[in-house]
Amino acid sequence: MMDRLVPLETLYARFAAFAEGRAQGTGCWAAHEAVIDRLAANQRVAETYGWTSCALERAGGTGQLRAFGLPPSECQRRLIPDWPFEPRY
């Protein structure tokens, strides 16, 4: 499956399946890498749209990595959209 053709939530689910032992094989690292690559790509797109203070974070230091940033003309940081699958900000 080509990772750019599926939503970020699908990439998270694929990685979780390996991490929780529900999937077998050698694809765990590839699944993790696909999530990181998508988050980085979404962050790059956000920055081209004028977002600032972009960073990858984990809620409470554990759990899924998420990309957050400060959208233009806003005062509060928010989750960066999965640009290929969500409307433009």
C-alpha atoms as a PDB file:
ATOM      1  CA  MET A   1       0.000   0.000   0.000  1.00  0.00           C
ATOM      2  CA  MET A   2       1.320   3.451  -0.830  1.00  0.00           C
ATOM      3  CA  ASP A   3       1.333   5.498   2.365  1.00  0.00           C
ATOM      4  CA  ARG A   4       0.513   8.764   0.652  1.00  0.00           C
ATOM      5  CA  LEU A   5      -2.828   7.307  -0.451  1.00  0.00           C
ATOM      6  CA  VAL A   6      -4.169   6.606   3.046  1.00  0.00           C
ATOM      7  CA  PRO A   7      -5.155   8.947   5.892  1.00  0.00           C
ATOM      8  CA  LEU A   8      -2.846   9.470   8.862  1.00  0.00           C
ATOM      9  CA  GLU A   9      -5.314   7.628  11.114  1.00  0.00           C
ATOM     10  CA  THR A  10      -4.848   4.517   8.935  1.00  0.00           C
ATOM     11  CA  LEU A  11      -1.075   4.813   9.322  1.00  0.00           C
ATOM     12  CA  TYR A  12      -1.510   5.092  13.112  1.00  0.00           C
ATOM     13  CA  ALA A  13      -3.741   1.992  13.107  1.00  0.00           C
ATOM     14  CA  ARG A  14      -1.217   0.013  11.053  1.00  0.00           C
ATOM     15  CA  PHE A  15       1.588   0.872  13.485  1.00  0.00           C
ATOM     16  CA  ALA A  16      -0.620   0.125  16.517  1.00  0.00           C
ATOM     17  CA  ALA A  17      -1.402  -3.327  15.112  1.00  0.00           C
ATOM     18  CA  PHE A  18       2.319  -4.168  15.094  1.00  0.00           C
ATOM     19  CA  ALA A  19       2.979  -2.527  18.461  1.00  0.00           C
ATOM     20  CA  GLU A  20       0.126  -4.449  20.112  1.00  0.00           C
ATOM     21  CA  GLY A  21       1.070  -7.775  18.504  1.00  0.00           C
ATOM     22  CA  ARG A  22      -2.035  -7.962  16.299  1.00  0.00           C
ATOM     23  CA  ALA A  23       0.096  -7.933  13.125  1.00  0.00           C
ATOM     24  CA  GLN A  24       3.033 -10.182  12.366  1.00  0.00           C
ATOM     25  CA  GLY A  25       6.041  -9.717  10.154  1.00  0.00           C
ATOM     26  CA  THR A  26       8.786  -7.201   9.671  1.00  0.00           C
ATOM     27  CA  GLY A  27       6.640  -4.170   8.891  1.00  0.00           C
ATOM     28  CA  CYS A  28       6.701  -2.513  12.326  1.00  0.00           C
ATOM     29  CA  TRP A  29       9.553  -0.167  11.525  1.00  0.00           C
ATOM     30  CA  ALA A  30       8.068   0.673   8.117  1.00  0.00           C
ATOM     31  CA  ALA A  31       4.724   1.479   9.764  1.00  0.00           C
ATOM     32  CA  HIS A  32       6.438   3.728  12.323  1.00  0.00           C
ATOM     33  CA  GLU A  33       8.464   5.404   9.594  1.00  0.00           C
ATOM     34  CA  ALA A  34       5.298   6.043   7.542  1.00  0.00           C
ATOM     35  CA  VAL A  35       3.692   7.850  10.501  1.00  0.00           C
ATOM     36  CA  ILE A  36       6.809   9.978  11.103  1.00  0.00           C
ATOM     37  CA  ASP A  37       7.117  10.788   7.388  1.00  0.00           C
ATOM     38  CA  ARG A  38       3.469  11.890   7.172  1.00  0.00           C
ATOM     39  CA  LEU A  39       3.735  14.055  10.285  1.00  0.00           C
ATOM     40  CA  ALA A  40       6.866  15.702   8.885  1.00  0.00           C
ATOM     41  CA  ALA A  41       5.185  16.279   5.512  1.00  0.00           C
ATOM     42  CA  ASN A  42       2.112  17.787   7.201  1.00  0.00           C
ATOM     43  CA  GLN A  43       4.378  20.053   9.246  1.00  0.00           C
ATOM     44  CA  ARG A  44       6.188  21.239   6.108  1.00  0.00           C
ATOM     45  CA  VAL A  45       2.859  22.044   4.429  1.00  0.00           C
ATOM     46  CA  ALA A  46       1.655  23.870   7.548  1.00  0.00           C
ATOM     47  CA  GLU A  47       4.790  26.002   7.541  1.00  0.00           C
ATOM     48  CA  THR A  48       4.197  26.948   3.880  1.00  0.00           C
ATOM     49  CA  TYR A  49       0.719  28.127   4.937  1.00  0.00           C
ATOM     50  CA  GLY A  50       2.275  30.352   7.593  1.00  0.00           C
ATOM     51  CA  TRP A  51       1.973  28.136  10.660  1.00  0.00           C
ATOM     52  CA  THR A  52       4.647  28.717  13.298  1.00  0.00           C
ATOM     53  CA  SER A  53       5.884  26.967  16.458  1.00  0.00           C
ATOM     54  CA  CYS A  54       5.396  23.581  14.798  1.00  0.00           C
ATOM     55  CA  ALA A  55       6.537  20.526  16.735  1.00  0.00           C
ATOM     56  CA  LEU A  56       5.913  16.814  17.183  1.00  0.00           C
ATOM     57  CA  GLU A  57       4.508  16.042  20.627  1.00  0.00           C
ATOM     58  CA  ARG A  58       3.159  13.133  22.651  1.00  0.00           C
ATOM     59  CA  ALA A  59       0.272  13.701  25.049  1.00  0.00           C
ATOM     60  CA  GLY A  60       1.732  13.307  28.523  1.00  0.00           C
ATOM     61  CA  GLY A  61       5.001  12.093  27.056  1.00  0.00           C
ATOM     62  CA  THR A  62       3.478   8.790  25.887  1.00  0.00           C
ATOM     63  CA  GLY A  63       1.121   7.650  23.172  1.00  0.00           C
ATOM     64  CA  GLN A  64       0.930   8.709  19.562  1.00  0.00           C
ATOM     65  CA  LEU A  65       3.110  11.423  18.165  1.00  0.00           C
ATOM     66  CA  ARG A  66       1.057  14.339  16.870  1.00  0.00           C
ATOM     67  CA  ALA A  67       2.069  17.485  15.016  1.00  0.00           C
ATOM     68  CA  PHE A  68       0.975  20.773  16.568  1.00  0.00           C
ATOM     69  CA  GLY A  69       1.491  24.347  15.475  1.00  0.00           C
ATOM     70  CA  LEU A  70       0.203  27.897  15.635  1.00  0.00           C
ATOM     71  CA  PRO A  71      -1.976  28.769  12.625  1.00  0.00           C
ATOM     72  CA  PRO A  72      -1.666  32.237  11.125  1.00  0.00           C
ATOM     73  CA  SER A  73      -3.753  34.895  12.885  1.00  0.00           C
ATOM     74  CA  GLU A  74      -4.531  32.618  15.860  1.00  0.00           C
ATOM     75  CA  CYS A  75      -3.353  32.718  19.456  1.00  0.00           C
ATOM     76  CA  GLN A  76      -3.616  29.041  20.371  1.00  0.00           C
ATOM     77  CA  ARG A  77      -1.676  26.082  19.034  1.00  0.00           C
ATOM     78  CA  ARG A  78      -3.664  23.304  17.412  1.00  0.00           C
ATOM     79  CA  LEU A  79      -3.291  19.946  15.769  1.00  0.00           C
ATOM     80  CA  ILE A  80      -1.840  20.244  12.267  1.00  0.00           C
ATOM     81  CA  PRO A  81      -4.282  18.776   9.729  1.00  0.00           C
ATOM     82  CA  ASP A  82      -3.493  15.728   7.628  1.00  0.00           C
ATOM     83  CA  TRP A  83      -3.330  17.943   4.546  1.00  0.00           C
ATOM     84  CA  PRO A  84      -3.946  15.361   1.806  1.00  0.00           C
ATOM     85  CA  PHE A  85      -7.155  14.203   3.541  1.00  0.00           C
ATOM     86  CA  GLU A  86      -8.527  17.333   5.236  1.00  0.00           C
ATOM     87  CA  PRO A  87      -9.664  20.628   3.765  1.00  0.00           C
ATOM     88  CA  ARG A  88      -7.127  23.412   3.506  1.00  0.00           C
ATOM     89  CA  TYR A  89      -6.953  25.593   6.585  1.00  0.00           C
END
